[in-house]
Each structure stands twice: as structure tokens, then as C-alpha cells.
Amino acid sequence: MKTNAGREYCLIVEGAYLTEEEARHALCDPFIEDWVEQTGSFKIHNMGDIQVAPGVPLGYLGVIMLDDRLFEIASTDANHPLTEHKAKGVAEALRRQDMFDEVSVEPREEVISDE
């Protein structure tokens, strides 16, 4: 039996955004709008309450620009990485929101840091 247990996944998305900040807004805005419609208010601390997919709070997702119009979306919380199942749930939610032209799920590459 093949397993991907313990492997971290990310989403590779393509969209007409020039910066990470624009792509981050494209990721967050539809979910924040839905939250405001449901609750009537929004404060920045609500980012951890807004669920993009089961078990994936909006506040745990980060955006990194890889190339022109190409971005990686991954968990910023080392204690809560995106599993393949969670990443597929996030991808489906992003496709429904239609903020990115292309959305794919891939195993996340190890990031080499200078720390």
C-alpha cells in the first residue's frame, strides 16, 4: 500500500496578479466576504476562524510568488501542514471562488533557509 503520510502539500496557482500581495488578496477576499455575509462583521483575528476547507483556516495560508503570474499557496503553520486531502479541499474551494486561472496540488519542496 502506497502512502503519503507525513508529506506536505501546496497549491500552485496561476493568475493575473503582479505581486504576492495581490495574489494574497485574491486568496482571502472571497472568504472574508462570505464571512462578513454570515456574521455581519470581520476583524483581523477572525482569520483563524474562517475555514477555507475542513481543518484549514484562512489565517494559516501563505502566498509566495514563484514566477510571473505563478504562486505557491501553503500552510504557514509548521504544526498544521497541508496534507494531500486538505490541499485538495483548498484547491476545490479556490476553483469555486474562481480567483485563479489554474489551480493544482503538488508535494511541497523542502525550503532551504539561511537560519
Protein backbone atom coordinates (compact mmCIF):
# COMPACT_ATOMS: atom_id res chain seq x y z
CA MET A 1 0.00 0.00 0.00
CA LYS A 2 1.35 3.39 -1.02
CA THR A 3 1.13 6.26 1.48
CA ASN A 4 1.89 9.95 1.51
CA ALA A 5 1.54 10.25 5.27
CA GLY A 6 3.74 12.98 6.67
CA ARG A 7 4.27 14.62 3.31
CA GLU A 8 3.44 18.30 3.00
CA TYR A 9 1.49 19.59 0.01
CA CYS A 10 0.91 23.00 -1.52
CA LEU A 11 -1.12 24.56 -4.27
CA ILE A 12 0.45 26.03 -7.38
CA VAL A 13 -1.86 28.69 -8.78
CA GLU A 14 -1.72 30.94 -11.80
CA GLY A 15 -3.48 34.27 -12.03
CA ALA A 16 -3.26 37.79 -13.37
CA TYR A 17 -1.55 39.16 -10.25
CA LEU A 18 1.71 41.10 -10.30
CA THR A 19 2.69 40.72 -6.63
CA GLU A 20 2.34 38.35 -3.72
CA GLU A 21 0.12 40.93 -2.03
CA GLU A 22 -2.33 40.96 -4.96
CA ALA A 23 -2.43 37.16 -5.00
CA ARG A 24 -2.95 37.11 -1.22
CA HIS A 25 -5.91 39.46 -1.60
CA ALA A 26 -7.30 37.22 -4.36
CA LEU A 27 -6.99 34.25 -1.98
CA CYS A 28 -8.54 35.97 1.04
CA ASP A 29 -11.17 38.38 -0.26
CA PRO A 30 -13.92 35.92 -1.29
CA PHE A 31 -13.67 34.04 2.01
CA ILE A 32 -13.69 37.26 4.04
CA GLU A 33 -16.73 38.48 2.05
CA ASP A 34 -18.56 35.20 2.80
CA TRP A 35 -17.62 35.53 6.48
CA VAL A 36 -18.97 39.08 6.65
CA GLU A 37 -22.22 37.99 4.96
CA GLN A 38 -22.63 35.17 7.50
CA THR A 39 -21.59 37.03 10.65
CA GLY A 40 -22.08 40.70 9.83
CA SER A 41 -18.57 41.71 10.86
CA PHE A 42 -14.87 40.99 10.40
CA LYS A 43 -11.81 41.64 12.49
CA ILE A 44 -8.29 40.51 11.63
CA HIS A 45 -8.32 37.95 14.46
CA ASN A 46 -11.14 36.15 12.58
CA MET A 47 -8.63 34.87 10.00
CA GLY A 48 -8.12 31.79 12.19
CA ASP A 49 -11.87 31.18 12.33
CA ILE A 50 -12.57 31.37 8.59
CA GLN A 51 -12.36 27.84 7.18
CA VAL A 52 -11.26 27.57 3.54
CA ALA A 53 -11.69 23.80 3.68
CA PRO A 54 -12.26 21.45 6.64
CA GLY A 55 -9.32 21.86 9.02
CA VAL A 56 -7.71 24.70 7.03
CA PRO A 57 -8.15 28.21 8.46
CA LEU A 58 -7.55 31.10 6.09
CA GLY A 59 -5.06 32.58 8.54
CA TYR A 60 -2.76 29.54 8.14
CA LEU A 61 -2.28 30.01 4.39
CA GLY A 62 0.57 31.98 2.89
CA VAL A 63 1.37 33.01 -0.67
CA ILE A 64 4.81 33.02 -2.30
CA MET A 65 5.47 34.31 -5.81
CA LEU A 66 7.35 31.70 -7.87
CA ASP A 67 7.37 33.44 -11.25
CA ASP A 68 5.30 35.94 -13.24
CA ARG A 69 1.64 35.11 -12.51
CA LEU A 70 2.66 31.87 -10.70
CA PHE A 71 2.27 31.45 -6.94
CA GLU A 72 2.57 28.80 -4.25
CA ILE A 73 -0.08 28.63 -1.53
CA ALA A 74 0.95 26.62 1.52
CA SER A 75 0.45 26.40 5.26
CA THR A 76 2.46 28.91 7.27
CA ASP A 77 1.95 26.87 10.46
CA ALA A 78 4.56 24.12 10.85
CA ASN A 79 2.23 22.30 13.27
CA HIS A 80 -0.56 22.20 10.68
CA PRO A 81 0.92 21.46 7.23
CA LEU A 82 -1.38 20.81 4.30
CA THR A 83 -1.92 17.11 3.79
CA GLU A 84 -2.85 15.93 0.31
CA HIS A 85 -6.51 15.67 1.39
CA LYS A 86 -6.56 19.20 2.87
CA ALA A 87 -4.74 20.65 -0.14
CA LYS A 88 -7.32 19.11 -2.48
CA GLY A 89 -10.08 20.64 -0.35
CA VAL A 90 -8.44 24.07 -0.57
CA ALA A 91 -7.97 23.63 -4.35
CA GLU A 92 -11.66 22.84 -4.78
CA ALA A 93 -12.63 25.90 -2.71
CA LEU A 94 -10.35 28.12 -4.83
CA ARG A 95 -11.82 26.72 -8.04
CA ARG A 96 -15.32 27.56 -6.78
CA GLN A 97 -14.21 31.13 -5.98
CA ASP A 98 -12.68 31.43 -9.50
CA MET A 99 -9.97 33.90 -8.46
CA PHE A 100 -7.12 31.99 -10.16
CA ASP A 101 -6.87 30.74 -13.75
CA GLU A 102 -5.18 27.44 -12.86
CA VAL A 103 -5.02 25.55 -9.55
CA SER A 104 -3.01 22.36 -8.95
CA VAL A 105 -1.95 20.35 -5.89
CA GLU A 106 1.67 19.24 -5.61
CA PRO A 107 4.02 17.89 -2.95
CA ARG A 108 5.82 20.81 -1.37
CA GLU A 109 9.55 21.03 -1.98
CA GLU A 110 11.80 21.39 1.02
CA VAL A 111 12.62 25.03 1.57
CA ILE A 112 16.27 25.72 2.33
CA SER A 113 16.66 28.54 4.81
CA ASP A 114 19.67 30.51 5.97
CA GLU A 115 18.74 30.10 9.62
